[in-house]
Protein backbone atom coordinates (compact mmCIF):
# COMPACT_ATOMS: atom_id res chain seq x y z
CA MET A 1 107.85 58.59 -89.84
CA ASP A 2 110.30 58.34 -87.37
CA LYS A 3 114.04 58.83 -87.41
CA ARG A 4 114.92 55.29 -87.92
CA ALA A 5 112.47 54.57 -90.61
CA LYS A 6 114.01 57.38 -92.38
CA ILE A 7 117.13 56.30 -92.16
CA LEU A 8 116.24 52.75 -93.49
CA GLU A 9 114.41 53.98 -96.10
CA ILE A 10 117.73 55.99 -97.44
CA ILE A 11 120.04 53.08 -96.72
CA GLU A 12 117.48 51.17 -98.99
CA SER A 13 117.33 53.88 -101.65
CA VAL A 14 121.11 54.53 -101.90
CA SER A 15 121.94 50.19 -101.78
CA LYS A 16 119.28 49.26 -104.20
CA LYS A 17 118.76 46.17 -101.73
CA LYS A 18 115.52 45.54 -99.97
CA ILE A 19 117.42 44.18 -96.78
CA ARG A 20 116.80 45.83 -93.32
CA PRO A 21 119.91 45.80 -91.52
CA GLY A 22 119.50 45.56 -87.62
CA PRO A 23 120.78 48.59 -85.31
CA ASP A 24 124.16 47.37 -84.95
CA GLU A 25 125.08 45.87 -88.12
CA SER A 26 128.08 47.09 -90.24
CA LEU A 27 126.41 48.45 -93.41
CA PHE A 28 129.82 48.50 -95.18
CA ASP A 29 130.93 45.22 -93.71
CA SER A 30 127.43 43.62 -94.99
CA GLY A 31 127.95 44.81 -98.42
CA MET A 32 124.80 46.69 -97.91
CA LEU A 33 126.79 49.74 -98.76
CA ASP A 34 130.50 50.58 -100.01
CA SER A 35 132.60 53.98 -100.09
CA PHE A 36 131.01 54.91 -103.36
CA ALA A 37 127.94 54.84 -101.87
CA LEU A 38 128.48 56.81 -98.74
CA PRO A 39 128.34 60.21 -100.58
CA ASP A 40 124.83 59.31 -101.57
CA MET A 41 123.64 58.51 -98.16
CA VAL A 42 125.10 61.65 -97.07
CA THR A 43 123.44 63.64 -99.50
CA GLY A 44 120.19 61.75 -98.67
CA LEU A 45 120.37 62.59 -94.84
CA GLU A 46 121.51 66.00 -95.75
CA GLU A 47 117.93 66.48 -97.30
CA ALA A 48 116.05 64.46 -95.14
CA PHE A 49 117.40 65.93 -92.10
CA GLY A 50 117.92 69.18 -93.13
CA ILE A 51 121.63 69.69 -92.04
CA ARG A 52 124.57 69.95 -93.55
CA ILE A 53 127.44 67.51 -93.16
CA PRO A 54 130.96 68.49 -93.65
CA ASP A 55 133.33 66.76 -95.77
CA ALA A 56 135.57 66.09 -93.02
CA ASP A 57 133.06 63.87 -91.63
CA LEU A 58 132.91 61.51 -94.44
CA ASN A 59 134.23 58.90 -93.01
CA PRO A 60 132.56 54.94 -93.03
CA ARG A 61 133.25 54.48 -89.60
CA LYS A 62 130.82 57.43 -88.52
CA PHE A 63 127.92 56.18 -90.75
CA ASP A 64 128.71 52.25 -89.91
CA SER A 65 125.31 51.10 -88.89
CA VAL A 66 121.80 52.41 -88.43
CA GLN A 67 122.94 53.43 -84.66
CA ARG A 68 126.21 55.30 -85.31
CA ILE A 69 123.94 57.16 -87.95
CA GLU A 70 121.23 57.90 -85.45
CA GLN A 71 123.85 59.02 -82.82
CA TYR A 72 125.97 61.21 -85.75
CA LEU A 73 122.62 63.12 -86.55
CA GLU A 74 121.87 63.44 -82.98
CA SER A 75 125.02 65.21 -82.52
CA ARG A 76 124.25 67.39 -85.59
CA LEU A 77 120.33 68.25 -84.90
């Protein structure tokens, strides 16, 4: 499974919605995720990609879209 598919799977699991956002679509503005779901999504990303995301990075803007999540992961891997 490629990185984007894994990210989409995590978003779907956390949001409990079957919606597939576009790469630049805001996950928060679209209502797919909210600030309460952010920690769950980050935990899923940590487990799936074997990284540690510091609490200081728990900012919705860093994880606002699939593309931003991919860019963030690239910076951490």
